[in-house]
Each structure stands twice: as structure tokens, then as C-alpha cells.
Amino acid sequence: MNAAALIFLCVIVFGVGVTHCAGQMKGTERCICTGKPLKRMNLRRMQTIEVFAVSPWCSQIEIIATEKKTTQKRCLDSLGKQGRSFLYNNRQKKQIKYPKRKRGKKQRRQ
């Protein structure tokens, strides 16, 4: 075999091996939230709320709420009623654009 055919064969074998390994790793995700998430949580007990978008490591949106007293982190269900409303409100806040005020002298009304 000549060198070009040998290199081509090695590239093909390596490509098949990589695609086979990638197919097996689909089930092994590294999500922060493991187990069953909470459907809802009392808003007065929440100190901070963090939202993690879909990433190559985790295929779901994760909402993590930190409690005030115990500083324990709890996962909220993003498909539950409270999670969906929080995501909807969070998107609406990002879309709001406030107009810039013009600074300068005030104009008198005549």
C-alpha cells in the first residue's frame, strides 16, 4: 500500500471510532441537578435563583434556587408551573429596553 492510502485508511478508522464513542456518551450527562427536582418552592425562602441554559454537557434547562436560612441549593423543575413562569418572566425582563434620556437644558413651554 502506498502512504496516501494508509493515511486515508487510518483517518476512516479513527472517524468511525470517534462517532461510535460519541453515540455511547449521550446517556452520560453532567447536569447539576440530579434526582427529582421540586415542582415548586416558597418564594420567601429563596435567596438567589440561577438559570443554566442547555449546554453540551446537559440537554435540559436547569433552575437552581438557594434557600435563605440553610444556603442549601435546590433544583426547580423547568417544566413545572413555577419554573415555566419564572423562565417566561426572565425572558421578558431581558427584552425590555428602556429609552435613553436626553441630558441637557429643559425646554420651556410657550
PDB file of N, CA and C in Angstrom:
ATOM      1  N   MET A   1       0.834  -1.185   0.000  1.00  0.00           N
ATOM      2  CA  MET A   1       0.000   0.000   0.000  1.00  0.00           C
ATOM      3  C   MET A   1       0.879   1.248   0.000  1.00  0.00           C
ATOM      4  N   ASN A   2       0.417   2.230  -0.687  1.00  0.00           N
ATOM      5  CA  ASN A   2       1.192   3.462  -0.663  1.00  0.00           C
ATOM      6  C   ASN A   2       0.816   4.295   0.569  1.00  0.00           C
ATOM      7  N   ALA A   3       1.561   5.342   0.851  1.00  0.00           N
ATOM      8  CA  ALA A   3       1.408   6.137   2.078  1.00  0.00           C
ATOM      9  C   ALA A   3       0.058   6.863   2.120  1.00  0.00           C
ATOM     10  N   ALA A   4      -0.402   7.363   0.980  1.00  0.00           N
ATOM     11  CA  ALA A   4      -1.677   8.104   0.953  1.00  0.00           C
ATOM     12  C   ALA A   4      -2.849   7.191   1.307  1.00  0.00           C
ATOM     13  N   ALA A   5      -2.854   5.981   0.792  1.00  0.00           N
ATOM     14  CA  ALA A   5      -3.938   5.044   1.090  1.00  0.00           C
ATOM     15  C   ALA A   5      -3.907   4.625   2.550  1.00  0.00           C
ATOM     16  N   LEU A   6      -2.718   4.469   3.111  1.00  0.00           N
ATOM     17  CA  LEU A   6      -2.591   4.095   4.520  1.00  0.00           C
ATOM     18  C   LEU A   6      -3.093   5.205   5.449  1.00  0.00           C
ATOM     19  N   ILE A   7      -2.758   6.444   5.117  1.00  0.00           N
ATOM     20  CA  ILE A   7      -3.231   7.588   5.917  1.00  0.00           C
ATOM     21  C   ILE A   7      -4.743   7.706   5.806  1.00  0.00           C
ATOM     22  N   PHE A   8      -5.287   7.544   4.595  1.00  0.00           N
ATOM     23  CA  PHE A   8      -6.732   7.607   4.390  1.00  0.00           C
ATOM     24  C   PHE A   8      -7.447   6.529   5.200  1.00  0.00           C
ATOM     25  N   LEU A   9      -6.913   5.335   5.226  1.00  0.00           N
ATOM     26  CA  LEU A   9      -7.498   4.245   5.990  1.00  0.00           C
ATOM     27  C   LEU A   9      -7.472   4.543   7.491  1.00  0.00           C
ATOM     28  N   CYS A  10      -6.370   5.109   7.974  1.00  0.00           N
ATOM     29  CA  CYS A  10      -6.275   5.462   9.405  1.00  0.00           C
ATOM     30  C   CYS A  10      -7.288   6.532   9.782  1.00  0.00           C
ATOM     31  N   VAL A  11      -7.480   7.528   8.915  1.00  0.00           N
ATOM     32  CA  VAL A  11      -8.456   8.592   9.173  1.00  0.00           C
ATOM     33  C   VAL A  11      -9.867   8.024   9.226  1.00  0.00           C
ATOM     34  N   ILE A  12     -10.196   7.115   8.330  1.00  0.00           N
ATOM     35  CA  ILE A  12     -11.529   6.499   8.316  1.00  0.00           C
ATOM     36  C   ILE A  12     -11.762   5.695   9.594  1.00  0.00           C
ATOM     37  N   VAL A  13     -10.787   4.894   9.999  1.00  0.00           N
ATOM     38  CA  VAL A  13     -10.931   4.078  11.212  1.00  0.00           C
ATOM     39  C   VAL A  13     -11.064   4.978  12.434  1.00  0.00           C
ATOM     40  N   PHE A  14     -10.274   6.040  12.509  1.00  0.00           N
ATOM     41  CA  PHE A  14     -10.358   6.974  13.628  1.00  0.00           C
ATOM     42  C   PHE A  14     -11.711   7.675  13.661  1.00  0.00           C
ATOM     43  N   GLY A  15     -12.223   8.093  12.501  1.00  0.00           N
ATOM     44  CA  GLY A  15     -13.525   8.763  12.424  1.00  0.00           C
ATOM     45  C   GLY A  15     -14.664   7.873  12.881  1.00  0.00           C
ATOM     46  N   VAL A  16     -14.637   6.609  12.471  1.00  0.00           N
ATOM     47  CA  VAL A  16     -15.672   5.660  12.893  1.00  0.00           C
ATOM     48  C   VAL A  16     -15.601   5.441  14.403  1.00  0.00           C
ATOM     49  N   GLY A  17     -14.397   5.345  14.936  1.00  0.00           N
ATOM     50  CA  GLY A  17     -14.235   5.163  16.380  1.00  0.00           C
ATOM     51  C   GLY A  17     -14.757   6.346  17.180  1.00  0.00           C
ATOM     52  N   VAL A  18     -14.502   7.564  16.704  1.00  0.00           N
ATOM     53  CA  VAL A  18     -14.973   8.767  17.406  1.00  0.00           C
ATOM     54  C   VAL A  18     -16.493   8.850  17.369  1.00  0.00           C
ATOM     55  N   THR A  19     -17.103   8.592  16.233  1.00  0.00           N
ATOM     56  CA  THR A  19     -18.562   8.663  16.154  1.00  0.00           C
ATOM     57  C   THR A  19     -19.220   7.577  16.991  1.00  0.00           C
ATOM     58  N   HIS A  20     -18.591   6.428  17.098  1.00  0.00           N
ATOM     59  CA  HIS A  20     -19.139   5.354  17.922  1.00  0.00           C
ATOM     60  C   HIS A  20     -19.074   5.734  19.400  1.00  0.00           C
ATOM     61  N   CYS A  21     -17.982   6.326  19.833  1.00  0.00           N
ATOM     62  CA  CYS A  21     -17.837   6.747  21.234  1.00  0.00           C
ATOM     63  C   CYS A  21     -18.799   7.878  21.567  1.00  0.00           C
ATOM     64  N   ALA A  22     -19.006   8.803  20.637  1.00  0.00           N
ATOM     65  CA  ALA A  22     -19.914   9.920  20.878  1.00  0.00           C
ATOM     66  C   ALA A  22     -21.347   9.420  21.049  1.00  0.00           C
ATOM     67  N   GLY A  23     -21.728   8.386  20.335  1.00  0.00           N
ATOM     68  CA  GLY A  23     -23.066   7.824  20.471  1.00  0.00           C
ATOM     69  C   GLY A  23     -23.286   7.183  21.824  1.00  0.00           C
ATOM     70  N   GLN A  24     -22.238   6.598  22.399  1.00  0.00           N
ATOM     71  CA  GLN A  24     -22.359   5.970  23.712  1.00  0.00           C
ATOM     72  C   GLN A  24     -22.397   6.993  24.835  1.00  0.00           C
ATOM     73  N   MET A  25     -21.769   8.137  24.654  1.00  0.00           N
ATOM     74  CA  MET A  25     -21.681   9.133  25.717  1.00  0.00           C
ATOM     75  C   MET A  25     -22.933   9.977  25.840  1.00  0.00           C
ATOM     76  N   LYS A  26     -23.906   9.810  24.953  1.00  0.00           N
ATOM     77  CA  LYS A  26     -25.130  10.595  25.021  1.00  0.00           C
ATOM     78  C   LYS A  26     -25.864  10.407  26.341  1.00  0.00           C
ATOM     79  N   GLY A  27     -25.871   9.220  26.870  1.00  0.00           N
ATOM     80  CA  GLY A  27     -26.587   8.934  28.103  1.00  0.00           C
ATOM     81  C   GLY A  27     -25.872   9.405  29.351  1.00  0.00           C
ATOM     82  N   THR A  28     -24.591   9.716  29.250  1.00  0.00           N
ATOM     83  CA  THR A  28     -23.834  10.152  30.420  1.00  0.00           C
ATOM     84  C   THR A  28     -23.685  11.659  30.386  1.00  0.00           C
ATOM     85  N   GLU A  29     -24.636  12.360  30.970  1.00  0.00           N
ATOM     86  CA  GLU A  29     -24.604  13.809  31.010  1.00  0.00           C
ATOM     87  C   GLU A  29     -24.119  14.269  32.374  1.00  0.00           C
ATOM     88  N   ARG A  30     -23.569  15.453  32.411  1.00  0.00           N
ATOM     89  CA  ARG A  30     -23.081  16.025  33.663  1.00  0.00           C
ATOM     90  C   ARG A  30     -23.953  17.218  34.040  1.00  0.00           C
ATOM     91  N   CYS A  31     -25.178  16.958  34.386  1.00  0.00           N
ATOM     92  CA  CYS A  31     -26.090  18.005  34.818  1.00  0.00           C
ATOM     93  C   CYS A  31     -25.864  18.301  36.298  1.00  0.00           C
ATOM     94  N   ILE A  32     -26.143  19.532  36.683  1.00  0.00           N
ATOM     95  CA  ILE A  32     -26.010  19.918  38.081  1.00  0.00           C
ATOM     96  C   ILE A  32     -27.127  19.285  38.897  1.00  0.00           C
ATOM     97  N   CYS A  33     -28.321  19.314  38.352  1.00  0.00           N
ATOM     98  CA  CYS A  33     -29.479  18.758  39.041  1.00  0.00           C
ATOM     99  C   CYS A  33     -29.552  17.255  38.781  1.00  0.00           C
ATOM    100  N   THR A  34     -29.428  16.486  39.852  1.00  0.00           N
ATOM    101  CA  THR A  34     -29.590  15.040  39.749  1.00  0.00           C
ATOM    102  C   THR A  34     -30.774  14.648  40.622  1.00  0.00           C
ATOM    103  N   GLY A  35     -31.457  13.636  40.246  1.00  0.00           N
ATOM    104  CA  GLY A  35     -32.627  13.216  41.010  1.00  0.00           C
ATOM    105  C   GLY A  35     -33.868  13.958  40.567  1.00  0.00           C
ATOM    106  N   LYS A  36     -34.871  13.931  41.424  1.00  0.00           N
ATOM    107  CA  LYS A  36     -36.156  14.531  41.100  1.00  0.00           C
ATOM    108  C   LYS A  36     -36.185  15.995  41.552  1.00  0.00           C
ATOM    109  N   PRO A  37     -36.410  16.955  40.633  1.00  0.00           N
ATOM    110  CA  PRO A  37     -36.463  18.366  41.027  1.00  0.00           C
ATOM    111  C   PRO A  37     -37.791  18.711  41.691  1.00  0.00           C
ATOM    112  N   LEU A  38     -37.793  19.815  42.438  1.00  0.00           N
ATOM    113  CA  LEU A  38     -39.005  20.282  43.099  1.00  0.00           C
ATOM    114  C   LEU A  38     -39.953  20.906  42.084  1.00  0.00           C
ATOM    115  N   LYS A  39     -41.245  20.662  42.257  1.00  0.00           N
ATOM    116  CA  LYS A  39     -42.239  21.269  41.371  1.00  0.00           C
ATOM    117  C   LYS A  39     -42.404  22.750  41.683  1.00  0.00           C
ATOM    118  N   ARG A  40     -42.377  23.094  42.974  1.00  0.00           N
ATOM    119  CA  ARG A  40     -42.493  24.491  43.370  1.00  0.00           C
ATOM    120  C   ARG A  40     -41.826  24.693  44.721  1.00  0.00           C
ATOM    121  N   MET A  41     -41.540  25.955  45.024  1.00  0.00           N
ATOM    122  CA  MET A  41     -40.860  26.302  46.263  1.00  0.00           C
ATOM    123  C   MET A  41     -41.375  27.664  46.707  1.00  0.00           C
ATOM    124  N   ASN A  42     -41.459  27.868  48.007  1.00  0.00           N
ATOM    125  CA  ASN A  42     -41.939  29.130  48.541  1.00  0.00           C
ATOM    126  C   ASN A  42     -40.959  30.245  48.172  1.00  0.00           C
ATOM    127  N   LEU A  43     -41.473  31.305  47.557  1.00  0.00           N
ATOM    128  CA  LEU A  43     -40.614  32.395  47.101  1.00  0.00           C
ATOM    129  C   LEU A  43     -39.943  33.130  48.256  1.00  0.00           C
ATOM    130  N   ARG A  44     -40.556  33.145  49.405  1.00  0.00           N
ATOM    131  CA  ARG A  44     -39.968  33.842  50.561  1.00  0.00           C
ATOM    132  C   ARG A  44     -38.734  33.123  51.084  1.00  0.00           C
ATOM    133  N   ARG A  45     -38.619  31.841  50.801  1.00  0.00           N
ATOM    134  CA  ARG A  45     -37.471  31.064  51.271  1.00  0.00           C
ATOM    135  C   ARG A  45     -36.284  31.147  50.318  1.00  0.00           C
ATOM    136  N   MET A  46     -36.497  31.697  49.120  1.00  0.00           N
ATOM    137  CA  MET A  46     -35.433  31.750  48.114  1.00  0.00           C
ATOM    138  C   MET A  46     -34.557  32.979  48.312  1.00  0.00           C
ATOM    139  N   GLN A  47     -33.251  32.757  48.252  1.00  0.00           N
ATOM    140  CA  GLN A  47     -32.310  33.865  48.326  1.00  0.00           C
ATOM    141  C   GLN A  47     -31.862  34.267  46.916  1.00  0.00           C
ATOM    142  N   THR A  48     -31.372  33.324  46.159  1.00  0.00           N
ATOM    143  CA  THR A  48     -30.972  33.583  44.777  1.00  0.00           C
ATOM    144  C   THR A  48     -31.519  32.480  43.877  1.00  0.00           C
ATOM    145  N   ILE A  49     -31.675  32.840  42.612  1.00  0.00           N
ATOM    146  CA  ILE A  49     -32.128  31.883  41.610  1.00  0.00           C
ATOM    147  C   ILE A  49     -31.168  31.966  40.435  1.00  0.00           C
ATOM    148  N   GLU A  50     -30.626  30.822  40.032  1.00  0.00           N
ATOM    149  CA  GLU A  50     -29.702  30.760  38.906  1.00  0.00           C
ATOM    150  C   GLU A  50     -30.315  29.905  37.814  1.00  0.00           C
ATOM    151  N   VAL A  51     -30.157  30.337  36.590  1.00  0.00           N
ATOM    152  CA  VAL A  51     -30.662  29.590  35.441  1.00  0.00           C
ATOM    153  C   VAL A  51     -29.477  29.188  34.574  1.00  0.00           C
ATOM    154  N   PHE A  52     -29.384  27.909  34.290  1.00  0.00           N
ATOM    155  CA  PHE A  52     -28.345  27.390  33.411  1.00  0.00           C
ATOM    156  C   PHE A  52     -29.010  26.887  32.144  1.00  0.00           C
ATOM    157  N   ALA A  53     -28.596  27.432  31.023  1.00  0.00           N
ATOM    158  CA  ALA A  53     -29.182  27.075  29.738  1.00  0.00           C
ATOM    159  C   ALA A  53     -28.684  25.702  29.283  1.00  0.00           C
ATOM    160  N   VAL A  54     -29.244  25.234  28.196  1.00  0.00           N
ATOM    161  CA  VAL A  54     -28.833  23.963  27.607  1.00  0.00           C
ATOM    162  C   VAL A  54     -27.379  24.093  27.151  1.00  0.00           C
ATOM    163  N   SER A  55     -26.583  23.083  27.436  1.00  0.00           N
ATOM    164  CA  SER A  55     -25.162  23.097  27.082  1.00  0.00           C
ATOM    165  C   SER A  55     -24.773  21.735  26.508  1.00  0.00           C
ATOM    166  N   PRO A  56     -23.564  21.615  26.007  1.00  0.00           N
ATOM    167  CA  PRO A  56     -23.139  20.298  25.513  1.00  0.00           C
ATOM    168  C   PRO A  56     -23.076  19.242  26.615  1.00  0.00           C
ATOM    169  N   TRP A  57     -22.970  19.683  27.863  1.00  0.00           N
ATOM    170  CA  TRP A  57     -22.870  18.735  28.976  1.00  0.00           C
ATOM    171  C   TRP A  57     -24.224  18.326  29.520  1.00  0.00           C
ATOM    172  N   CYS A  58     -25.220  19.168  29.334  1.00  0.00           N
ATOM    173  CA  CYS A  58     -26.552  18.864  29.859  1.00  0.00           C
ATOM    174  C   CYS A  58     -27.591  19.323  28.842  1.00  0.00           C
ATOM    175  N   SER A  59     -28.551  18.461  28.539  1.00  0.00           N
ATOM    176  CA  SER A  59     -29.518  18.760  27.485  1.00  0.00           C
ATOM    177  C   SER A  59     -30.822  19.360  28.011  1.00  0.00           C
ATOM    178  N   GLN A  60     -30.817  19.888  29.228  1.00  0.00           N
ATOM    179  CA  GLN A  60     -32.034  20.485  29.766  1.00  0.00           C
ATOM    180  C   GLN A  60     -31.713  21.798  30.472  1.00  0.00           C
ATOM    181  N   ILE A  61     -32.713  22.654  30.577  1.00  0.00           N
ATOM    182  CA  ILE A  61     -32.558  23.914  31.293  1.00  0.00           C
ATOM    183  C   ILE A  61     -32.638  23.608  32.780  1.00  0.00           C
ATOM    184  N   GLU A  62     -31.698  24.169  33.558  1.00  0.00           N
ATOM    185  CA  GLU A  62     -31.664  23.921  34.995  1.00  0.00           C
ATOM    186  C   GLU A  62     -31.903  25.219  35.753  1.00  0.00           C
ATOM    187  N   ILE A  63     -32.802  25.158  36.727  1.00  0.00           N
ATOM    188  CA  ILE A  63     -33.090  26.294  37.596  1.00  0.00           C
ATOM    189  C   ILE A  63     -32.693  25.882  39.007  1.00  0.00           C
ATOM    190  N   ILE A  64     -31.742  26.621  39.596  1.00  0.00           N
ATOM    191  CA  ILE A  64     -31.249  26.291  40.927  1.00  0.00           C
ATOM    192  C   ILE A  64     -31.556  27.448  41.859  1.00  0.00           C
ATOM    193  N   ALA A  65     -32.291  27.154  42.931  1.00  0.00           N
ATOM    194  CA  ALA A  65     -32.658  28.156  43.926  1.00  0.00           C
ATOM    195  C   ALA A  65     -31.891  27.891  45.216  1.00  0.00           C
ATOM    196  N   THR A  66     -31.343  28.945  45.815  1.00  0.00           N
ATOM    197  CA  THR A  66     -30.623  28.835  47.073  1.00  0.00           C
ATOM    198  C   THR A  66     -31.533  29.323  48.192  1.00  0.00           C
ATOM    199  N   GLU A  67     -31.666  28.531  49.244  1.00  0.00           N
ATOM    200  CA  GLU A  67     -32.509  28.914  50.377  1.00  0.00           C
ATOM    201  C   GLU A  67     -31.810  29.949  51.241  1.00  0.00           C
ATOM    202  N   LYS A  68     -32.603  30.791  51.915  1.00  0.00           N
ATOM    203  CA  LYS A  68     -32.039  31.856  52.744  1.00  0.00           C
ATOM    204  C   LYS A  68     -31.373  31.328  54.006  1.00  0.00           C
ATOM    205  N   LYS A  69     -32.081  30.549  54.780  1.00  0.00           N
ATOM    206  CA  LYS A  69     -31.576  30.142  56.093  1.00  0.00           C
ATOM    207  C   LYS A  69     -30.488  29.088  56.015  1.00  0.00           C
ATOM    208  N   THR A  70     -30.694  28.073  55.209  1.00  0.00           N
ATOM    209  CA  THR A  70     -29.749  26.953  55.202  1.00  0.00           C
ATOM    210  C   THR A  70     -28.706  27.071  54.096  1.00  0.00           C
ATOM    211  N   THR A  71     -28.839  28.020  53.189  1.00  0.00           N
ATOM    212  CA  THR A  71     -27.992  28.180  51.999  1.00  0.00           C
ATOM    213  C   THR A  71     -27.843  26.872  51.220  1.00  0.00           C
ATOM    214  N   GLN A  72     -28.877  26.069  51.277  1.00  0.00           N
ATOM    215  CA  GLN A  72     -28.896  24.806  50.538  1.00  0.00           C
ATOM    216  C   GLN A  72     -29.436  25.077  49.133  1.00  0.00           C
ATOM    217  N   LYS A  73     -28.834  24.452  48.146  1.00  0.00           N
ATOM    218  CA  LYS A  73     -29.263  24.654  46.767  1.00  0.00           C
ATOM    219  C   LYS A  73     -30.260  23.568  46.380  1.00  0.00           C
ATOM    220  N   ARG A  74     -31.380  24.001  45.818  1.00  0.00           N
ATOM    221  CA  ARG A  74     -32.441  23.086  45.391  1.00  0.00           C
ATOM    222  C   ARG A  74     -32.722  23.312  43.918  1.00  0.00           C
ATOM    223  N   CYS A  75     -33.051  22.253  43.230  1.00  0.00           N
ATOM    224  CA  CYS A  75     -33.374  22.334  41.806  1.00  0.00           C
ATOM    225  C   CYS A  75     -34.878  22.439  41.616  1.00  0.00           C
ATOM    226  N   LEU A  76     -35.283  23.392  40.791  1.00  0.00           N
ATOM    227  CA  LEU A  76     -36.687  23.532  40.426  1.00  0.00           C
ATOM    228  C   LEU A  76     -36.916  22.885  39.069  1.00  0.00           C
ATOM    229  N   ASP A  77     -38.090  22.323  38.905  1.00  0.00           N
ATOM    230  CA  ASP A  77     -38.445  21.687  37.646  1.00  0.00           C
ATOM    231  C   ASP A  77     -38.737  22.770  36.610  1.00  0.00           C
ATOM    232  N   SER A  78     -37.981  22.780  35.512  1.00  0.00           N
ATOM    233  CA  SER A  78     -38.183  23.796  34.482  1.00  0.00           C
ATOM    234  C   SER A  78     -39.466  23.556  33.687  1.00  0.00           C
ATOM    235  N   LEU A  79     -40.043  22.357  33.792  1.00  0.00           N
ATOM    236  CA  LEU A  79     -41.297  22.057  33.102  1.00  0.00           C
ATOM    237  C   LEU A  79     -42.507  22.242  34.008  1.00  0.00           C
ATOM    238  N   GLY A  80     -42.281  22.494  35.296  1.00  0.00           N
ATOM    239  CA  GLY A  80     -43.374  22.730  36.228  1.00  0.00           C
ATOM    240  C   GLY A  80     -43.941  24.135  36.059  1.00  0.00           C
ATOM    241  N   LYS A  81     -45.047  24.400  36.721  1.00  0.00           N
ATOM    242  CA  LYS A  81     -45.732  25.679  36.566  1.00  0.00           C
ATOM    243  C   LYS A  81     -44.860  26.841  37.049  1.00  0.00           C
ATOM    244  N   GLN A  82     -44.224  26.694  38.212  1.00  0.00           N
ATOM    245  CA  GLN A  82     -43.405  27.761  38.753  1.00  0.00           C
ATOM    246  C   GLN A  82     -42.142  27.966  37.904  1.00  0.00           C
ATOM    247  N   GLY A  83     -41.538  26.908  37.453  1.00  0.00           N
ATOM    248  CA  GLY A  83     -40.350  27.009  36.617  1.00  0.00           C
ATOM    249  C   GLY A  83     -40.633  27.671  35.283  1.00  0.00           C
ATOM    250  N   ARG A  84     -41.744  27.294  34.653  1.00  0.00           N
ATOM    251  CA  ARG A  84     -42.107  27.900  33.375  1.00  0.00           C
ATOM    252  C   ARG A  84     -42.412  29.381  33.523  1.00  0.00           C
ATOM    253  N   SER A  85     -43.135  29.751  34.597  1.00  0.00           N
ATOM    254  CA  SER A  85     -43.450  31.171  34.787  1.00  0.00           C
ATOM    255  C   SER A  85     -42.187  31.975  35.080  1.00  0.00           C
ATOM    256  N   PHE A  86     -41.254  31.389  35.827  1.00  0.00           N
ATOM    257  CA  PHE A  86     -40.006  32.091  36.091  1.00  0.00           C
ATOM    258  C   PHE A  86     -39.204  32.287  34.804  1.00  0.00           C
ATOM    259  N   LEU A  87     -39.113  31.264  33.974  1.00  0.00           N
ATOM    260  CA  LEU A  87     -38.391  31.388  32.707  1.00  0.00           C
ATOM    261  C   LEU A  87     -39.049  32.407  31.783  1.00  0.00           C
ATOM    262  N   TYR A  88     -40.380  32.428  31.765  1.00  0.00           N
ATOM    263  CA  TYR A  88     -41.094  33.386  30.927  1.00  0.00           C
ATOM    264  C   TYR A  88     -40.822  34.804  31.398  1.00  0.00           C
ATOM    265  N   ASN A  89     -40.907  35.032  32.713  1.00  0.00           N
ATOM    266  CA  ASN A  89     -40.661  36.372  33.251  1.00  0.00           C
ATOM    267  C   ASN A  89     -39.210  36.782  33.051  1.00  0.00           C
ATOM    268  N   ASN A  90     -38.293  35.849  33.168  1.00  0.00           N
ATOM    269  CA  ASN A  90     -36.871  36.142  32.983  1.00  0.00           C
ATOM    270  C   ASN A  90     -36.599  36.561  31.541  1.00  0.00           C
ATOM    271  N   ARG A  91     -37.256  35.915  30.582  1.00  0.00           N
ATOM    272  CA  ARG A  91     -37.085  36.292  29.173  1.00  0.00           C
ATOM    273  C   ARG A  91     -37.665  37.669  28.912  1.00  0.00           C
ATOM    274  N   GLN A  92     -38.797  37.980  29.522  1.00  0.00           N
ATOM    275  CA  GLN A  92     -39.430  39.277  29.314  1.00  0.00           C
ATOM    276  C   GLN A  92     -38.548  40.402  29.851  1.00  0.00           C
ATOM    277  N   LYS A  93     -37.883  40.177  30.986  1.00  0.00           N
ATOM    278  CA  LYS A  93     -37.025  41.210  31.564  1.00  0.00           C
ATOM    279  C   LYS A  93     -35.835  41.501  30.657  1.00  0.00           C
ATOM    280  N   LYS A  94     -35.297  40.477  30.001  1.00  0.00           N
ATOM    281  CA  LYS A  94     -34.149  40.687  29.130  1.00  0.00           C
ATOM    282  C   LYS A  94     -34.536  41.448  27.870  1.00  0.00           C
ATOM    283  N   GLN A  95     -35.797  41.358  27.450  1.00  0.00           N
ATOM    284  CA  GLN A  95     -36.217  42.002  26.211  1.00  0.00           C
ATOM    285  C   GLN A  95     -36.598  43.463  26.410  1.00  0.00           C
ATOM    286  N   ILE A  96     -36.827  43.887  27.652  1.00  0.00           N
ATOM    287  CA  ILE A  96     -37.238  45.262  27.902  1.00  0.00           C
ATOM    288  C   ILE A  96     -36.045  46.174  27.666  1.00  0.00           C
ATOM    289  N   LYS A  97     -36.238  47.190  26.836  1.00  0.00           N
ATOM    290  CA  LYS A  97     -35.209  48.185  26.603  1.00  0.00           C
ATOM    291  C   LYS A  97     -35.777  49.538  26.984  1.00  0.00           C
ATOM    292  N   TYR A  98     -35.122  50.179  27.903  1.00  0.00           N
ATOM    293  CA  TYR A  98     -35.569  51.479  28.353  1.00  0.00           C
ATOM    294  C   TYR A  98     -34.967  52.555  27.454  1.00  0.00           C
ATOM    295  N   PRO A  99     -35.767  53.546  27.051  1.00  0.00           N
ATOM    296  CA  PRO A  99     -35.219  54.601  26.189  1.00  0.00           C
ATOM    297  C   PRO A  99     -34.235  55.466  26.969  1.00  0.00           C
ATOM    298  N   LYS A 100     -33.211  55.940  26.261  1.00  0.00           N
ATOM    299  CA  LYS A 100     -32.226  56.794  26.907  1.00  0.00           C
ATOM    300  C   LYS A 100     -32.786  58.203  27.021  1.00  0.00           C
ATOM    301  N   ARG A 101     -32.535  58.806  28.156  1.00  0.00           N
ATOM    302  CA  ARG A 101     -32.979  60.176  28.359  1.00  0.00           C
ATOM    303  C   ARG A 101     -31.949  61.119  27.765  1.00  0.00           C
ATOM    304  N   LYS A 102     -32.450  62.167  27.177  1.00  0.00           N
ATOM    305  CA  LYS A 102     -31.550  63.174  26.649  1.00  0.00           C
ATOM    306  C   LYS A 102     -31.196  64.132  27.778  1.00  0.00           C
ATOM    307  N   ARG A 103     -29.942  64.317  27.970  1.00  0.00           N
ATOM    308  CA  ARG A 103     -29.482  65.222  29.016  1.00  0.00           C
ATOM    309  C   ARG A 103     -29.228  66.591  28.386  1.00  0.00           C
ATOM    310  N   GLY A 104     -29.595  67.587  29.077  1.00  0.00           N
ATOM    311  CA  GLY A 104     -29.381  68.944  28.575  1.00  0.00           C
ATOM    312  C   GLY A 104     -30.361  69.896  29.219  1.00  0.00           C
ATOM    313  N   LYS A 105     -30.463  71.044  28.639  1.00  0.00           N
ATOM    314  CA  LYS A 105     -31.349  72.060  29.187  1.00  0.00           C
ATOM    315  C   LYS A 105     -32.804  71.692  28.913  1.00  0.00           C
ATOM    316  N   LYS A 106     -33.643  72.040  29.873  1.00  0.00           N
ATOM    317  CA  LYS A 106     -35.064  71.800  29.690  1.00  0.00           C
ATOM    318  C   LYS A 106     -35.628  72.862  28.771  1.00  0.00           C
ATOM    319  N   GLN A 107     -36.541  72.480  27.923  1.00  0.00           N
ATOM    320  CA  GLN A 107     -37.162  73.442  27.013  1.00  0.00           C
ATOM    321  C   GLN A 107     -38.400  73.993  27.684  1.00  0.00           C
ATOM    322  N   ARG A 108     -38.579  75.284  27.525  1.00  0.00           N
ATOM    323  CA  ARG A 108     -39.761  75.945  28.098  1.00  0.00           C
ATOM    324  C   ARG A 108     -40.960  75.779  27.181  1.00  0.00           C
ATOM    325  N   ARG A 109     -42.089  75.623  27.825  1.00  0.00           N
ATOM    326  CA  ARG A 109     -43.343  75.577  27.063  1.00  0.00           C
ATOM    327  C   ARG A 109     -43.828  76.988  26.842  1.00  0.00           C
ATOM    328  N   GLN A 110     -44.312  77.283  25.674  1.00  0.00           N
ATOM    329  CA  GLN A 110     -44.809  78.627  25.380  1.00  0.00           C
ATOM    330  C   GLN A 110     -46.276  78.635  25.188  1.00  0.00           C
TER     331      GLN A 110
END
